[in-house]
Amino acid sequence: MENVIMVTFPVQSQAYQAFSQIKNDSVNSAYTVLQMAVIKNEDGKISAVDGFDSGVDSSNDTVTGGLVGSIIGILGGPWGVLLGFSIGLLAGSIMDTNDVSDNSSLIEYASQELQSGQTAIIALVQESDEAAFDLRLHGFDCKIKRFDAAVIADEVEQAEASQKQLAKDAREKLREQKCADRKKEIENKRAEIRKKFDEITKRA
């Protein structure tokens, strides 16, 4: 089973320790880690602070590509701003908030669980035994949540499309506002010019 696993830590140092342990044993008989990143919520801004890539999607550990990279991009982009990473106000273009009781949305889950100052690991993992990955995290103060990787890939695709639409709408609104402002300025200039002609006419 291919899963996206999110592990939240109240203590940042433990997240780094766990990340290092999993990275050092990323391929074994029970699970294979394709990508993994440590992310942090700093005053509502989500960013990656460390990363690991198996080499399939990227040749380095920046995790700028692949599913995990896309997830980070969504959490740190406009959706992150809309969600506020507090009570999870998810826009209806992805799903209705009444439909997230099954916690199938990683974006919704992250907005509720990853509070300001907290750290998490997000990993794309193929597992034959979920207990083995959980055992790797034994002894850490953390919360583990699994999501079907295919479902999350589809959610991310929808979110990316919505982000593009948000950007397009914002540009159009700004353009309309500029046009409205210019029209107002033009009318003010017209009034000033006419006033000057009116003054000349009065003198005649």
N, C-alpha and C. Protein backbone atom coordinates (compact mmCIF):
# COMPACT_ATOMS: atom_id res chain seq x y z
N MET A 1 0.84 -1.19 0.00
CA MET A 1 0.00 0.00 0.00
C MET A 1 0.88 1.25 0.00
N GLU A 2 0.57 2.18 -0.89
CA GLU A 2 1.33 3.43 -0.95
C GLU A 2 0.59 4.48 -0.12
N ASN A 3 1.27 5.01 0.86
CA ASN A 3 0.67 5.98 1.78
C ASN A 3 1.48 7.27 1.85
N VAL A 4 0.77 8.36 2.12
CA VAL A 4 1.43 9.58 2.57
C VAL A 4 1.24 9.59 4.08
N ILE A 5 2.33 9.65 4.78
CA ILE A 5 2.28 9.61 6.25
C ILE A 5 2.68 10.97 6.80
N MET A 6 1.84 11.52 7.68
CA MET A 6 2.17 12.77 8.35
C MET A 6 2.35 12.48 9.83
N VAL A 7 3.51 12.86 10.35
CA VAL A 7 3.83 12.64 11.76
C VAL A 7 4.09 14.00 12.39
N THR A 8 3.27 14.39 13.34
CA THR A 8 3.42 15.70 13.98
C THR A 8 4.14 15.56 15.33
N PHE A 9 5.00 16.54 15.59
CA PHE A 9 5.82 16.55 16.80
C PHE A 9 5.67 17.89 17.52
N PRO A 10 5.39 17.90 18.80
CA PRO A 10 5.38 19.15 19.55
C PRO A 10 6.79 19.66 19.82
N VAL A 11 7.78 18.74 19.76
CA VAL A 11 9.18 19.10 20.01
C VAL A 11 9.97 18.96 18.71
N GLN A 12 10.53 20.07 18.23
CA GLN A 12 11.22 20.07 16.94
C GLN A 12 12.40 19.11 16.90
N SER A 13 13.18 19.06 17.95
CA SER A 13 14.37 18.21 17.96
C SER A 13 14.02 16.74 17.73
N GLN A 14 12.87 16.32 18.23
CA GLN A 14 12.45 14.93 18.04
C GLN A 14 12.10 14.66 16.58
N ALA A 15 11.56 15.67 15.90
CA ALA A 15 11.24 15.51 14.49
C ALA A 15 12.51 15.27 13.69
N TYR A 16 13.57 16.01 14.00
CA TYR A 16 14.85 15.83 13.31
C TYR A 16 15.45 14.46 13.61
N GLN A 17 15.35 14.02 14.86
CA GLN A 17 15.86 12.72 15.24
C GLN A 17 15.15 11.61 14.49
N ALA A 18 13.83 11.69 14.47
CA ALA A 18 13.03 10.68 13.79
C ALA A 18 13.32 10.68 12.29
N PHE A 19 13.42 11.87 11.71
CA PHE A 19 13.73 12.01 10.29
C PHE A 19 15.06 11.32 9.96
N SER A 20 16.06 11.55 10.80
CA SER A 20 17.38 10.96 10.58
C SER A 20 17.33 9.44 10.66
N GLN A 21 16.61 8.93 11.62
CA GLN A 21 16.50 7.48 11.79
C GLN A 21 15.81 6.83 10.59
N ILE A 22 14.72 7.45 10.14
CA ILE A 22 13.98 6.88 9.00
C ILE A 22 14.82 6.98 7.73
N LYS A 23 15.50 8.11 7.55
CA LYS A 23 16.34 8.31 6.37
C LYS A 23 17.44 7.26 6.30
N ASN A 24 18.03 6.91 7.43
CA ASN A 24 19.12 5.94 7.48
C ASN A 24 18.65 4.51 7.24
N ASP A 25 17.36 4.29 7.31
CA ASP A 25 16.80 2.96 7.03
C ASP A 25 15.55 3.15 6.17
N SER A 26 15.75 3.81 5.01
CA SER A 26 14.60 4.18 4.17
C SER A 26 14.09 3.03 3.30
N VAL A 27 14.91 2.00 3.12
CA VAL A 27 14.50 0.84 2.32
C VAL A 27 14.76 -0.43 3.12
N ASN A 28 13.69 -1.16 3.40
CA ASN A 28 13.84 -2.45 4.07
C ASN A 28 12.70 -3.37 3.64
N SER A 29 12.59 -4.52 4.25
CA SER A 29 11.59 -5.51 3.82
C SER A 29 10.17 -5.10 4.14
N ALA A 30 9.99 -4.14 5.06
CA ALA A 30 8.64 -3.76 5.50
C ALA A 30 8.13 -2.48 4.85
N TYR A 31 9.05 -1.57 4.50
CA TYR A 31 8.62 -0.32 3.88
C TYR A 31 9.75 0.30 3.06
N THR A 32 9.35 1.16 2.12
CA THR A 32 10.30 1.92 1.30
C THR A 32 9.85 3.37 1.28
N VAL A 33 10.77 4.27 1.64
CA VAL A 33 10.47 5.70 1.64
C VAL A 33 10.94 6.30 0.32
N LEU A 34 10.00 6.85 -0.45
CA LEU A 34 10.34 7.47 -1.73
C LEU A 34 10.79 8.92 -1.53
N GLN A 35 10.04 9.64 -0.70
CA GLN A 35 10.34 11.04 -0.40
C GLN A 35 9.94 11.33 1.03
N MET A 36 10.61 12.31 1.62
CA MET A 36 10.30 12.67 3.00
C MET A 36 10.79 14.08 3.27
N ALA A 37 10.07 14.81 4.10
CA ALA A 37 10.49 16.17 4.45
C ALA A 37 10.08 16.50 5.87
N VAL A 38 10.87 17.35 6.49
CA VAL A 38 10.50 17.94 7.78
C VAL A 38 9.94 19.32 7.47
N ILE A 39 8.74 19.58 7.93
CA ILE A 39 8.13 20.89 7.70
C ILE A 39 7.81 21.54 9.04
N LYS A 40 7.75 22.86 9.02
CA LYS A 40 7.47 23.59 10.26
C LYS A 40 6.48 24.72 9.99
N ASN A 41 5.63 24.93 10.96
CA ASN A 41 4.68 26.05 10.90
C ASN A 41 5.26 27.18 11.75
N GLU A 42 5.70 28.23 11.10
CA GLU A 42 6.22 29.41 11.80
C GLU A 42 5.27 30.57 11.57
N ASP A 43 4.47 30.84 12.58
CA ASP A 43 3.49 31.93 12.52
C ASP A 43 2.59 31.83 11.30
N GLY A 44 2.14 30.61 11.01
CA GLY A 44 1.20 30.41 9.92
C GLY A 44 1.83 30.17 8.56
N LYS A 45 3.15 30.25 8.48
CA LYS A 45 3.84 29.99 7.21
C LYS A 45 4.49 28.62 7.27
N ILE A 46 4.11 27.76 6.31
CA ILE A 46 4.62 26.40 6.26
C ILE A 46 5.81 26.33 5.30
N SER A 47 6.90 25.75 5.78
CA SER A 47 8.08 25.61 4.92
C SER A 47 8.82 24.33 5.28
N ALA A 48 9.59 23.82 4.31
CA ALA A 48 10.41 22.63 4.54
C ALA A 48 11.74 23.04 5.15
N VAL A 49 12.14 22.35 6.20
CA VAL A 49 13.42 22.67 6.85
C VAL A 49 14.46 21.57 6.64
N ASP A 50 14.02 20.43 6.12
CA ASP A 50 14.95 19.36 5.74
C ASP A 50 14.22 18.43 4.81
N GLY A 51 14.97 17.68 3.99
CA GLY A 51 14.31 16.82 3.04
C GLY A 51 15.14 15.62 2.63
N PHE A 52 14.45 14.63 2.09
CA PHE A 52 15.10 13.43 1.59
C PHE A 52 14.36 12.96 0.34
N ASP A 53 15.11 12.62 -0.70
CA ASP A 53 14.53 12.09 -1.92
C ASP A 53 15.33 10.87 -2.33
N SER A 54 14.63 9.83 -2.72
CA SER A 54 15.29 8.57 -3.10
C SER A 54 16.07 8.70 -4.40
N GLY A 55 15.80 9.76 -5.16
CA GLY A 55 16.47 9.95 -6.44
C GLY A 55 15.57 9.71 -7.63
N VAL A 56 14.34 9.23 -7.37
CA VAL A 56 13.40 8.99 -8.46
C VAL A 56 12.88 10.29 -9.05
N ASP A 57 12.52 11.24 -8.17
CA ASP A 57 11.98 12.53 -8.63
C ASP A 57 12.99 13.66 -8.59
N SER A 58 14.05 13.51 -7.82
CA SER A 58 15.04 14.57 -7.69
C SER A 58 16.40 13.97 -7.39
N SER A 59 17.45 14.70 -7.78
CA SER A 59 18.80 14.20 -7.55
C SER A 59 19.40 14.74 -6.26
N ASN A 60 18.61 15.50 -5.50
CA ASN A 60 19.12 16.03 -4.24
C ASN A 60 18.05 15.92 -3.17
N ASP A 61 18.33 16.45 -2.00
CA ASP A 61 17.41 16.32 -0.87
C ASP A 61 16.58 17.58 -0.61
N THR A 62 16.35 18.37 -1.63
CA THR A 62 15.56 19.58 -1.44
C THR A 62 14.06 19.29 -1.48
N VAL A 63 13.66 18.15 -2.00
CA VAL A 63 12.26 17.76 -2.13
C VAL A 63 11.46 18.86 -2.82
N THR A 64 11.95 19.29 -3.97
CA THR A 64 11.24 20.32 -4.72
C THR A 64 10.29 19.71 -5.75
N GLY A 65 10.43 18.41 -6.00
CA GLY A 65 9.57 17.76 -6.96
C GLY A 65 8.76 16.66 -6.31
N GLY A 66 8.01 15.94 -7.13
CA GLY A 66 7.24 14.82 -6.62
C GLY A 66 6.07 15.22 -5.75
N LEU A 67 5.40 14.21 -5.20
CA LEU A 67 4.19 14.44 -4.43
C LEU A 67 4.45 15.22 -3.14
N VAL A 68 5.50 14.85 -2.40
CA VAL A 68 5.79 15.54 -1.14
C VAL A 68 6.10 17.01 -1.40
N GLY A 69 6.89 17.29 -2.44
CA GLY A 69 7.19 18.68 -2.78
C GLY A 69 5.93 19.46 -3.12
N SER A 70 5.01 18.81 -3.84
CA SER A 70 3.75 19.47 -4.20
C SER A 70 2.89 19.74 -2.97
N ILE A 71 2.88 18.79 -2.04
CA ILE A 71 2.12 18.98 -0.80
C ILE A 71 2.64 20.19 -0.04
N ILE A 72 3.97 20.29 0.08
CA ILE A 72 4.56 21.43 0.78
C ILE A 72 4.22 22.73 0.07
N GLY A 73 4.23 22.70 -1.26
CA GLY A 73 3.88 23.89 -2.04
C GLY A 73 2.46 24.34 -1.77
N ILE A 74 1.55 23.37 -1.63
CA ILE A 74 0.15 23.69 -1.35
C ILE A 74 0.00 24.26 0.07
N LEU A 75 0.61 23.58 1.04
CA LEU A 75 0.49 24.02 2.44
C LEU A 75 1.11 25.39 2.65
N GLY A 76 2.18 25.70 1.89
CA GLY A 76 2.85 26.98 2.05
C GLY A 76 2.37 28.05 1.09
N GLY A 77 1.39 27.70 0.24
CA GLY A 77 0.88 28.65 -0.75
C GLY A 77 -0.42 29.30 -0.34
N PRO A 78 -1.20 29.75 -1.33
CA PRO A 78 -2.47 30.44 -1.04
C PRO A 78 -3.43 29.64 -0.17
N TRP A 79 -3.44 28.30 -0.35
CA TRP A 79 -4.32 27.52 0.50
C TRP A 79 -3.91 27.65 1.96
N GLY A 80 -2.62 27.67 2.21
CA GLY A 80 -2.15 27.84 3.57
C GLY A 80 -2.63 29.15 4.17
N VAL A 81 -2.62 30.20 3.35
CA VAL A 81 -3.09 31.51 3.79
C VAL A 81 -4.59 31.46 4.08
N LEU A 82 -5.34 30.81 3.18
CA LEU A 82 -6.79 30.73 3.37
C LEU A 82 -7.15 29.92 4.61
N LEU A 83 -6.41 28.83 4.81
CA LEU A 83 -6.69 27.98 5.96
C LEU A 83 -6.29 28.64 7.27
N GLY A 84 -5.22 29.41 7.22
CA GLY A 84 -4.75 30.06 8.43
C GLY A 84 -4.11 29.10 9.41
N PHE A 85 -4.10 27.80 9.08
CA PHE A 85 -3.57 26.76 9.95
C PHE A 85 -4.05 26.94 11.39
N SER A 86 -5.39 27.05 11.49
CA SER A 86 -5.98 27.14 12.82
C SER A 86 -7.17 26.18 12.91
N ILE A 87 -8.32 26.60 12.36
CA ILE A 87 -9.51 25.76 12.50
C ILE A 87 -9.88 25.08 11.19
N GLY A 88 -9.05 25.22 10.17
CA GLY A 88 -9.26 24.47 8.95
C GLY A 88 -10.43 24.94 8.10
N LEU A 89 -10.43 26.20 7.69
CA LEU A 89 -11.48 26.71 6.83
C LEU A 89 -11.13 26.38 5.39
N LEU A 90 -11.57 25.25 4.92
CA LEU A 90 -11.22 24.78 3.58
C LEU A 90 -12.23 25.28 2.57
N ALA A 91 -11.75 25.88 1.48
CA ALA A 91 -12.63 26.42 0.45
C ALA A 91 -13.42 25.30 -0.22
N GLY A 92 -14.65 25.61 -0.57
CA GLY A 92 -15.56 24.60 -1.12
C GLY A 92 -15.18 24.06 -2.47
N SER A 93 -14.26 24.72 -3.19
CA SER A 93 -13.88 24.23 -4.51
C SER A 93 -13.13 22.90 -4.42
N ILE A 94 -12.57 22.58 -3.24
CA ILE A 94 -11.95 21.27 -3.07
C ILE A 94 -12.97 20.31 -2.46
N MET A 95 -13.59 20.73 -1.38
CA MET A 95 -14.61 19.90 -0.75
C MET A 95 -15.36 20.74 0.28
N ASP A 96 -16.51 20.26 0.62
CA ASP A 96 -17.30 20.90 1.65
C ASP A 96 -16.77 20.49 3.01
N THR A 97 -16.69 21.44 3.94
CA THR A 97 -16.14 21.13 5.26
C THR A 97 -16.97 20.08 5.99
N ASN A 98 -18.23 19.91 5.59
CA ASN A 98 -19.07 18.88 6.20
C ASN A 98 -18.69 17.48 5.73
N ASP A 99 -17.86 17.40 4.68
CA ASP A 99 -17.52 16.12 4.08
C ASP A 99 -16.13 15.64 4.48
N VAL A 100 -15.52 16.25 5.50
CA VAL A 100 -14.15 15.87 5.84
C VAL A 100 -14.06 15.08 7.14
N SER A 101 -15.19 14.54 7.58
CA SER A 101 -15.19 13.79 8.83
C SER A 101 -14.35 12.52 8.74
N ASP A 102 -14.11 12.03 7.50
CA ASP A 102 -13.30 10.83 7.35
C ASP A 102 -11.81 11.14 7.36
N ASN A 103 -11.46 12.42 7.48
CA ASN A 103 -10.05 12.85 7.53
C ASN A 103 -9.26 12.38 6.32
N SER A 104 -9.90 12.30 5.16
CA SER A 104 -9.20 11.87 3.95
C SER A 104 -8.38 13.00 3.34
N SER A 105 -8.61 14.22 3.78
CA SER A 105 -7.89 15.37 3.25
C SER A 105 -6.67 15.69 4.10
N LEU A 106 -5.50 15.54 3.51
CA LEU A 106 -4.28 15.88 4.23
C LEU A 106 -4.21 17.39 4.49
N ILE A 107 -4.68 18.19 3.53
CA ILE A 107 -4.65 19.64 3.69
C ILE A 107 -5.51 20.05 4.87
N GLU A 108 -6.71 19.47 4.97
CA GLU A 108 -7.59 19.77 6.10
C GLU A 108 -6.97 19.30 7.41
N TYR A 109 -6.42 18.10 7.39
CA TYR A 109 -5.81 17.54 8.60
C TYR A 109 -4.64 18.39 9.06
N ALA A 110 -3.77 18.78 8.12
CA ALA A 110 -2.60 19.58 8.47
C ALA A 110 -3.00 20.93 9.06
N SER A 111 -4.09 21.51 8.53
CA SER A 111 -4.53 22.81 9.03
C SER A 111 -4.99 22.73 10.48
N GLN A 112 -5.43 21.55 10.89
CA GLN A 112 -5.90 21.38 12.27
C GLN A 112 -4.78 20.92 13.21
N GLU A 113 -3.88 20.09 12.70
CA GLU A 113 -2.88 19.46 13.56
C GLU A 113 -1.56 20.22 13.65
N LEU A 114 -1.17 20.88 12.55
CA LEU A 114 0.14 21.55 12.54
C LEU A 114 -0.02 23.00 12.97
N GLN A 115 -0.05 23.20 14.26
CA GLN A 115 -0.23 24.53 14.81
C GLN A 115 1.09 25.30 14.79
N SER A 116 1.00 26.61 15.00
CA SER A 116 2.18 27.47 14.97
C SER A 116 3.24 26.98 15.95
N GLY A 117 4.48 26.85 15.43
CA GLY A 117 5.59 26.40 16.25
C GLY A 117 5.81 24.90 16.21
N GLN A 118 4.85 24.17 15.64
CA GLN A 118 4.98 22.72 15.59
C GLN A 118 5.72 22.27 14.32
N THR A 119 6.23 21.05 14.40
CA THR A 119 7.01 20.46 13.32
C THR A 119 6.40 19.13 12.94
N ALA A 120 6.54 18.75 11.67
CA ALA A 120 5.99 17.47 11.22
C ALA A 120 6.90 16.84 10.17
N ILE A 121 6.76 15.55 10.01
CA ILE A 121 7.39 14.83 8.91
C ILE A 121 6.29 14.41 7.95
N ILE A 122 6.50 14.64 6.67
CA ILE A 122 5.60 14.12 5.65
C ILE A 122 6.41 13.17 4.79
N ALA A 123 5.92 11.96 4.62
CA ALA A 123 6.68 10.95 3.88
C ALA A 123 5.77 10.20 2.92
N LEU A 124 6.30 9.90 1.74
CA LEU A 124 5.62 9.06 0.76
C LEU A 124 6.24 7.67 0.89
N VAL A 125 5.44 6.73 1.36
CA VAL A 125 5.97 5.42 1.75
C VAL A 125 5.15 4.28 1.16
N GLN A 126 5.83 3.25 0.69
CA GLN A 126 5.17 2.01 0.30
C GLN A 126 5.36 1.04 1.45
N GLU A 127 4.25 0.52 1.98
CA GLU A 127 4.32 -0.31 3.18
C GLU A 127 3.70 -1.69 2.96
N SER A 128 4.39 -2.69 3.42
CA SER A 128 3.81 -4.03 3.48
C SER A 128 3.37 -4.33 4.91
N ASP A 129 3.94 -3.54 5.85
CA ASP A 129 3.62 -3.71 7.27
C ASP A 129 3.67 -2.34 7.94
N GLU A 130 2.50 -1.78 8.22
CA GLU A 130 2.44 -0.45 8.82
C GLU A 130 3.09 -0.42 10.20
N ALA A 131 3.04 -1.51 10.89
CA ALA A 131 3.60 -1.56 12.25
C ALA A 131 5.09 -1.30 12.26
N ALA A 132 5.78 -1.67 11.18
CA ALA A 132 7.23 -1.49 11.13
C ALA A 132 7.61 -0.02 11.11
N PHE A 133 6.91 0.78 10.32
CA PHE A 133 7.20 2.21 10.27
C PHE A 133 6.85 2.85 11.61
N ASP A 134 5.73 2.45 12.18
CA ASP A 134 5.33 2.99 13.49
C ASP A 134 6.35 2.64 14.56
N LEU A 135 6.90 1.43 14.46
CA LEU A 135 7.89 0.99 15.44
C LEU A 135 9.15 1.86 15.37
N ARG A 136 9.48 2.33 14.16
CA ARG A 136 10.64 3.21 13.99
C ARG A 136 10.44 4.50 14.78
N LEU A 137 9.21 4.88 15.04
CA LEU A 137 8.90 6.11 15.76
C LEU A 137 8.61 5.87 17.24
N HIS A 138 8.80 4.63 17.66
CA HIS A 138 8.55 4.30 19.07
C HIS A 138 9.48 5.11 19.98
N GLY A 139 8.91 5.66 21.02
CA GLY A 139 9.69 6.45 21.98
C GLY A 139 9.63 7.94 21.72
N PHE A 140 9.12 8.32 20.55
CA PHE A 140 8.97 9.75 20.24
C PHE A 140 7.57 10.23 20.63
N ASP A 141 7.48 11.46 21.08
CA ASP A 141 6.19 12.08 21.36
C ASP A 141 5.65 12.59 20.04
N CYS A 142 4.81 11.80 19.40
CA CYS A 142 4.33 12.18 18.07
C CYS A 142 2.95 11.59 17.79
N LYS A 143 2.34 12.08 16.72
CA LYS A 143 1.03 11.59 16.29
C LYS A 143 1.16 11.20 14.82
N ILE A 144 0.77 9.96 14.49
CA ILE A 144 0.94 9.43 13.14
C ILE A 144 -0.42 9.35 12.44
N LYS A 145 -0.46 9.82 11.20
CA LYS A 145 -1.69 9.76 10.40
C LYS A 145 -1.34 9.34 8.98
N ARG A 146 -2.07 8.34 8.47
CA ARG A 146 -1.85 7.84 7.11
C ARG A 146 -2.95 8.27 6.17
N PHE A 147 -2.55 8.50 4.91
CA PHE A 147 -3.49 8.84 3.85
C PHE A 147 -3.15 8.01 2.61
N ASP A 148 -4.16 7.62 1.88
CA ASP A 148 -3.95 6.92 0.61
C ASP A 148 -3.22 7.87 -0.34
N ALA A 149 -2.05 7.48 -0.81
CA ALA A 149 -1.22 8.37 -1.64
C ALA A 149 -1.94 8.80 -2.91
N ALA A 150 -2.72 7.90 -3.52
CA ALA A 150 -3.43 8.24 -4.75
C ALA A 150 -4.50 9.30 -4.50
N VAL A 151 -5.17 9.18 -3.36
CA VAL A 151 -6.20 10.18 -2.99
C VAL A 151 -5.55 11.54 -2.76
N ILE A 152 -4.40 11.55 -2.09
CA ILE A 152 -3.71 12.81 -1.82
C ILE A 152 -3.17 13.42 -3.11
N ALA A 153 -2.67 12.57 -4.02
CA ALA A 153 -2.20 13.08 -5.32
C ALA A 153 -3.33 13.79 -6.06
N ASP A 154 -4.54 13.22 -5.98
CA ASP A 154 -5.70 13.86 -6.62
C ASP A 154 -6.08 15.14 -5.91
N GLU A 155 -6.01 15.14 -4.57
CA GLU A 155 -6.33 16.35 -3.80
C GLU A 155 -5.36 17.49 -4.13
N VAL A 156 -4.08 17.14 -4.24
CA VAL A 156 -3.07 18.13 -4.56
C VAL A 156 -3.30 18.70 -5.95
N GLU A 157 -3.67 17.84 -6.90
CA GLU A 157 -3.94 18.31 -8.26
C GLU A 157 -5.09 19.30 -8.28
N GLN A 158 -6.15 19.00 -7.51
CA GLN A 158 -7.29 19.92 -7.41
C GLN A 158 -6.88 21.24 -6.77
N ALA A 159 -6.08 21.13 -5.70
CA ALA A 159 -5.64 22.34 -4.99
C ALA A 159 -4.75 23.21 -5.88
N GLU A 160 -3.87 22.58 -6.66
CA GLU A 160 -3.00 23.33 -7.57
C GLU A 160 -3.82 24.06 -8.62
N ALA A 161 -4.85 23.39 -9.14
CA ALA A 161 -5.72 24.03 -10.13
C ALA A 161 -6.47 25.20 -9.50
N SER A 162 -6.90 25.02 -8.26
CA SER A 162 -7.61 26.09 -7.55
C SER A 162 -6.69 27.27 -7.25
N GLN A 163 -5.41 26.97 -6.93
CA GLN A 163 -4.44 28.04 -6.68
C GLN A 163 -4.25 28.89 -7.93
N LYS A 164 -4.17 28.22 -9.08
CA LYS A 164 -4.02 28.95 -10.34
C LYS A 164 -5.23 29.85 -10.59
N GLN A 165 -6.42 29.32 -10.26
CA GLN A 165 -7.63 30.11 -10.45
C GLN A 165 -7.65 31.29 -9.48
N LEU A 166 -7.19 31.05 -8.24
CA LEU A 166 -7.12 32.14 -7.27
C LEU A 166 -6.20 33.25 -7.76
N ALA A 167 -5.05 32.86 -8.30
CA ALA A 167 -4.09 33.84 -8.82
C ALA A 167 -4.68 34.60 -10.00
N LYS A 168 -5.37 33.88 -10.88
CA LYS A 168 -5.99 34.51 -12.04
C LYS A 168 -7.06 35.51 -11.61
N ASP A 169 -7.90 35.08 -10.64
CA ASP A 169 -8.96 35.97 -10.15
C ASP A 169 -8.37 37.21 -9.49
N ALA A 170 -7.27 37.03 -8.76
CA ALA A 170 -6.63 38.17 -8.08
C ALA A 170 -6.08 39.16 -9.11
N ARG A 171 -5.45 38.63 -10.18
CA ARG A 171 -4.91 39.51 -11.22
C ARG A 171 -6.02 40.28 -11.93
N GLU A 172 -7.12 39.58 -12.21
CA GLU A 172 -8.25 40.23 -12.89
C GLU A 172 -8.87 41.31 -12.00
N LYS A 173 -8.99 41.01 -10.71
CA LYS A 173 -9.56 42.00 -9.79
C LYS A 173 -8.67 43.23 -9.70
N LEU A 174 -7.35 43.00 -9.65
CA LEU A 174 -6.40 44.11 -9.59
C LEU A 174 -6.47 44.94 -10.86
N ARG A 175 -6.58 44.26 -12.01
CA ARG A 175 -6.67 44.95 -13.29
C ARG A 175 -7.95 45.80 -13.36
N GLU A 176 -9.06 45.21 -12.87
CA GLU A 176 -10.34 45.94 -12.87
C GLU A 176 -10.26 47.16 -11.96
N GLN A 177 -9.60 46.99 -10.81
CA GLN A 177 -9.46 48.11 -9.88
C GLN A 177 -8.62 49.21 -10.48
N LYS A 178 -7.54 48.83 -11.18
CA LYS A 178 -6.69 49.82 -11.83
C LYS A 178 -7.46 50.57 -12.90
N CYS A 179 -8.27 49.83 -13.67
CA CYS A 179 -9.07 50.47 -14.71
C CYS A 179 -10.06 51.46 -14.10
N ALA A 180 -10.69 51.05 -12.99
CA ALA A 180 -11.64 51.93 -12.32
C ALA A 180 -10.94 53.17 -11.78
N ASP A 181 -9.75 52.99 -11.21
CA ASP A 181 -8.99 54.12 -10.69
C ASP A 181 -8.57 55.06 -11.80
N ARG A 182 -8.14 54.50 -12.96
CA ARG A 182 -7.71 55.34 -14.08
C ARG A 182 -8.88 56.12 -14.64
N LYS A 183 -10.04 55.46 -14.72
CA LYS A 183 -11.22 56.16 -15.23
C LYS A 183 -11.57 57.35 -14.34
N LYS A 184 -11.45 57.15 -13.04
CA LYS A 184 -11.73 58.23 -12.10
C LYS A 184 -10.74 59.37 -12.29
N GLU A 185 -9.46 59.02 -12.46
CA GLU A 185 -8.43 60.03 -12.67
C GLU A 185 -8.66 60.78 -13.98
N ILE A 186 -9.05 60.05 -15.01
CA ILE A 186 -9.30 60.69 -16.31
C ILE A 186 -10.45 61.68 -16.21
N GLU A 187 -11.51 61.29 -15.48
CA GLU A 187 -12.64 62.20 -15.31
C GLU A 187 -12.23 63.43 -14.51
N ASN A 188 -11.35 63.26 -13.54
CA ASN A 188 -10.85 64.41 -12.77
C ASN A 188 -10.05 65.34 -13.67
N LYS A 189 -9.22 64.78 -14.54
CA LYS A 189 -8.44 65.60 -15.47
C LYS A 189 -9.37 66.34 -16.43
N ARG A 190 -10.41 65.64 -16.89
CA ARG A 190 -11.36 66.28 -17.81
C ARG A 190 -12.04 67.47 -17.15
N ALA A 191 -12.41 67.28 -15.87
CA ALA A 191 -13.07 68.36 -15.13
C ALA A 191 -12.13 69.55 -14.96
N GLU A 192 -10.86 69.29 -14.70
CA GLU A 192 -9.88 70.37 -14.54
C GLU A 192 -9.71 71.16 -15.84
N ILE A 193 -9.63 70.44 -16.95
CA ILE A 193 -9.46 71.11 -18.25
C ILE A 193 -10.69 71.95 -18.58
N ARG A 194 -11.88 71.41 -18.36
CA ARG A 194 -13.11 72.16 -18.64
C ARG A 194 -13.22 73.40 -17.76
N LYS A 195 -12.76 73.26 -16.53
CA LYS A 195 -12.81 74.40 -15.62
C LYS A 195 -11.98 75.57 -16.16
N LYS A 196 -10.84 75.24 -16.73
CA LYS A 196 -9.98 76.28 -17.31
C LYS A 196 -10.66 76.96 -18.49
N PHE A 197 -11.33 76.16 -19.31
CA PHE A 197 -12.06 76.74 -20.45
C PHE A 197 -13.22 77.61 -19.96
N ASP A 198 -13.88 77.14 -18.89
CA ASP A 198 -14.98 77.93 -18.32
C ASP A 198 -14.49 79.28 -17.83
N GLU A 199 -13.30 79.31 -17.25
CA GLU A 199 -12.74 80.56 -16.73
C GLU A 199 -12.45 81.53 -17.89
N ILE A 200 -11.93 80.98 -18.98
CA ILE A 200 -11.65 81.83 -20.15
C ILE A 200 -12.94 82.38 -20.72
N THR A 201 -13.97 81.53 -20.75
CA THR A 201 -15.26 81.97 -21.30
C THR A 201 -15.85 83.10 -20.48
N LYS A 202 -15.72 83.02 -19.17
CA LYS A 202 -16.25 84.05 -18.28
C LYS A 202 -15.55 85.40 -18.49
N ARG A 203 -14.28 85.33 -18.85
CA ARG A 203 -13.52 86.56 -19.06
C ARG A 203 -13.87 87.25 -20.37
N ALA A 204 -14.38 86.45 -21.31
CA ALA A 204 -14.66 87.00 -22.65
C ALA A 204 -15.83 87.97 -22.61
